[in-house]
Amino acid sequence: MEDCLFCKIIKGEIPSNKVYEDEYVYAFKDIEPVAPVHVLIVPKKHISSLNEVSEEDEVLLGKIFIAIKKIAKELGVESKGYRVINNCGKDAGQTVMHLHFHLIAGTKMGEKLL
């Protein structure tokens, strides 16, 4: 999608602080972190939200969660714990209409974080 912020980041048109990349997934540090570790994990395929996921995306979703596990280990937060969040739709706080997951860690978390 040509106007999508995350698609532009994936293509390298907008700079990011990349922490992980493979054939299916791109992950980078959030520019407005809510915790010491705050990474956005996005599929390279443009999907607007979880509502747009189809059965053909089943393998892709698995790849995303395997990437999240690898990123948590690489960043040293796998043993202490981390939170994975997806906001689906504007009322839920989704501000970029490209499916993405927040990996948040590095602090003791309460219920109110995002």
Protein backbone atom coordinates (compact mmCIF):
# COMPACT_ATOMS: atom_id res chain seq x y z
CA MET A 1 0.00 0.00 0.00
CA GLU A 2 1.66 3.19 -1.14
CA ASP A 3 0.50 5.57 1.63
CA CYS A 4 1.08 3.21 4.57
CA LEU A 5 3.67 4.39 7.11
CA PHE A 6 4.74 0.85 8.03
CA CYS A 7 5.00 -0.23 4.38
CA LYS A 8 7.34 2.74 3.83
CA ILE A 9 9.41 1.73 6.87
CA ILE A 10 9.64 -1.87 5.61
CA LYS A 11 10.80 -0.63 2.18
CA GLY A 12 13.44 1.60 3.81
CA GLU A 13 11.79 4.81 2.61
CA ILE A 14 11.43 5.98 6.22
CA PRO A 15 14.24 5.26 8.70
CA SER A 16 13.67 2.96 11.66
CA ASN A 17 15.67 1.34 14.41
CA LYS A 18 15.39 -2.24 13.17
CA VAL A 19 15.69 -5.06 15.70
CA TYR A 20 14.64 -8.01 13.52
CA GLU A 21 13.90 -8.91 9.93
CA ASP A 22 13.18 -12.07 8.00
CA GLU A 23 11.30 -12.94 4.82
CA TYR A 24 7.89 -12.33 6.43
CA VAL A 25 8.37 -9.95 9.36
CA TYR A 26 9.99 -6.60 10.12
CA ALA A 27 10.42 -5.36 13.70
CA PHE A 28 11.64 -2.00 14.95
CA LYS A 29 11.75 0.11 18.11
CA ASP A 30 8.69 2.26 18.76
CA ILE A 31 9.49 5.99 18.52
CA GLU A 32 7.25 6.70 21.54
CA PRO A 33 8.03 3.80 23.88
CA VAL A 34 5.84 3.15 26.91
CA ALA A 35 8.48 0.92 28.55
CA PRO A 36 12.25 0.35 28.31
CA VAL A 37 11.59 -2.31 25.64
CA HIS A 38 8.91 -1.41 23.11
CA VAL A 39 9.16 -3.04 19.71
CA LEU A 40 6.64 -3.04 16.87
CA ILE A 41 6.39 -6.28 14.91
CA VAL A 42 4.76 -6.00 11.48
CA PRO A 43 4.18 -8.43 8.64
CA LYS A 44 5.82 -7.39 5.39
CA LYS A 45 2.52 -8.14 3.67
CA HIS A 46 0.12 -5.23 4.08
CA ILE A 47 -2.89 -6.28 6.11
CA SER A 48 -4.91 -3.40 7.56
CA SER A 49 -5.90 -5.06 10.84
CA LEU A 50 -6.77 -8.38 12.44
CA ASN A 51 -10.21 -7.96 10.88
CA GLU A 52 -8.58 -8.29 7.45
CA VAL A 53 -6.66 -11.50 8.20
CA SER A 54 -7.74 -14.38 6.00
CA GLU A 55 -7.19 -18.12 6.17
CA GLU A 56 -4.35 -17.73 3.69
CA ASP A 57 -2.52 -15.66 6.35
CA GLU A 58 -2.45 -18.56 8.84
CA VAL A 59 1.24 -19.34 8.22
CA LEU A 60 2.15 -15.64 8.30
CA LEU A 61 0.60 -15.20 11.74
CA GLY A 62 2.63 -18.14 13.00
CA LYS A 63 5.79 -16.54 11.57
CA ILE A 64 4.96 -13.31 13.41
CA PHE A 65 4.67 -15.07 16.76
CA ILE A 66 7.86 -17.08 16.20
CA ALA A 67 9.58 -13.74 15.45
CA ILE A 68 8.18 -12.27 18.67
CA LYS A 69 9.67 -15.16 20.63
CA LYS A 70 13.07 -14.67 18.94
CA ILE A 71 13.01 -10.93 19.58
CA ALA A 72 12.14 -11.41 23.27
CA LYS A 73 15.08 -13.80 23.62
CA GLU A 74 17.45 -11.50 21.72
CA LEU A 75 16.47 -8.53 23.90
CA GLY A 76 16.86 -10.58 27.08
CA VAL A 77 13.26 -10.29 28.28
CA GLU A 78 12.00 -13.82 27.68
CA SER A 79 12.60 -15.03 31.24
CA LYS A 80 11.30 -11.98 33.14
CA GLY A 81 8.24 -11.59 30.94
CA TYR A 82 6.82 -9.38 28.27
CA ARG A 83 3.47 -8.26 26.94
CA VAL A 84 2.24 -8.61 23.35
CA ILE A 85 -0.55 -6.26 22.31
CA ASN A 86 -2.56 -5.76 19.14
CA ASN A 87 -4.93 -2.83 18.78
CA CYS A 88 -7.63 -3.58 16.22
CA GLY A 89 -9.46 -0.52 14.93
CA LYS A 90 -9.50 3.15 15.85
CA ASP A 91 -11.58 2.76 19.01
CA ALA A 92 -8.99 0.25 20.30
CA GLY A 93 -6.16 2.71 19.65
CA GLN A 94 -4.88 1.47 16.29
CA THR A 95 -3.29 4.56 14.72
CA VAL A 96 -1.50 2.92 11.77
CA MET A 97 -3.76 0.78 9.62
CA HIS A 98 -1.20 -1.99 9.08
CA LEU A 99 -1.42 -5.06 11.28
CA HIS A 100 1.18 -4.83 14.02
CA PHE A 101 1.97 -6.13 17.47
CA HIS A 102 3.64 -4.32 20.35
CA LEU A 103 6.22 -6.26 22.37
CA ILE A 104 6.57 -4.40 25.67
CA ALA A 105 8.92 -5.28 28.51
CA GLY A 106 11.65 -4.11 30.81
CA THR A 107 9.46 -2.92 33.66
CA LYS A 108 6.89 -4.35 36.05
CA MET A 109 3.57 -3.81 34.32
CA GLY A 110 0.23 -2.98 35.75
CA GLU A 111 -3.05 -3.30 33.94
CA LYS A 112 -2.90 0.20 32.45
CA LEU A 113 -0.12 0.52 29.94
CA LEU A 114 -1.45 1.13 26.45
